[in-house]
């Protein structure tokens, strides 16, 4: 079937670079774009009117953790100083001998009653991603049952996904008096790695090739050298991309140096884990970061030499008083910058704006992290990190993954007059401006509605799940704090 989109504005692509068209047409046949230009002369089967809209390639979210993220609601404006603002330590490190309660992502594989919660998390994740114009996502290392639940929703709701159960050789726990302790489980890591390979073998290519595999050793500091070397070997043998949290955590940065006399990035290079399909989760605490006071750092040059990527989650790290230092230096070094949402909201437009503003401030240059550059990171940057030249762009031969965005701010006057649609989108837009989403040539959201998703019901169910998580917080928190003690209300609460 041939579909023509009549575009008010269109982000096309020529010779690997985005270009803007005004009052143009895009035609796709089945799952591929076949024409971009002023007037298509061939036969079409249907037409989509986007004359007052921006037609753009679907966004690629390179850093997703499944769920409604209720735990993260407890770390706004608060946190343990000894965690240095690292969010996962705040919400996923249980007291030794316990497990994180209420969240199925941390439940034991044989825990009863988790299936419904896993389905809720997966539905919430995929629906929110689509709602914000994201057509491809990378899930960053949740356990096998989480991946299975996501796999089901990918088929039902029709998003493109890179899935693969995470694996590691240990984890962080809260020891005596809440002290941060790393415990080892090498055998458990080998078992998880085997399960990840099996899952990828069984699911890659499913749902009309919407599902592909990715190897995710969760964090560099919780994986043994043997496990990381095995990851590098299997990724090369099976032609798989890799995602790993590294250069993201002050504890990790100094621990790796103490243990290996190398930075995390230097260690990954020696192991052979750095390639042009390696996604470094965050990558903001590199040796060159002046706040780390490390002399002679060359992490950026190493990453640039291997053309690897960072998944820059600008909103999440800004919330924890951190930023990328600096956008310009990463680009000059040749590091591919892709964007991820990581926590909440899964609003890629908000992440573009935050990346742009902090990129300017950190680079001390008003021309840094331009609207064009952050939009490229949300599209072409993500495609490069996955080795997918058919994604993140709209040109003949590319996949028909398309986002249609209203530039009127839903009658809010938020945009004002639009001169350059990309600058207006980055500076004034929000995820709710996304109106239509097409994945693989199939309309998956129209007029902000996704077939099979009741947003009101989903919101109520997520709130109920969140209340359950918060009510049991004290049972596993390293300091035995209740949710209210950990995260006091902004103002005194009155009954």
Foldseek 3Di string as FASTA:
>chain_A
DKEKEQAQWEFFDDPHATDIDGRWMWMDDQFFTADTGRDDDDDGDYYHYHSQWYKFFFFEAEAAAFFQQLQQVLPFPFDDVVQLLDVCCQRFAWAPPDGQPLQLLTDDPPDPPCLVVLLLRLLVVVLLCVLLRHQEYEHAAGADSNQVSNLVVCLVLPGAYADFHEAFFWDWHQYVVRDIDTDGHNVRRVVRQVVRVVVQVVPQCPNNRSYHYEYHHEELQRHDLVSLLVNLVVCVVVVHAYEYAFLPGLVQQVVCCVVPVDGSLVSSVVSNNAALQYEHEQNQNFQPPVVNVHPPTDSLLSNQVRQAEYAHQQVSVVSSVDHHQAQVSNVVSRYQYAYHNNHDDRNLLQSLLSNLVVNCVNVVHNPGSALSNSLCNRAVSSCSNGVHPLTRHHDGPHTPWMWIFRQCQVVPCQQPDDDDVSNSSNVRNISNRTAWTAHSNRTQGHRSDGPPDDPVVSVVVSVVSSVVSQQCRLVTNSNSDGSCRSRPDPDDDDD
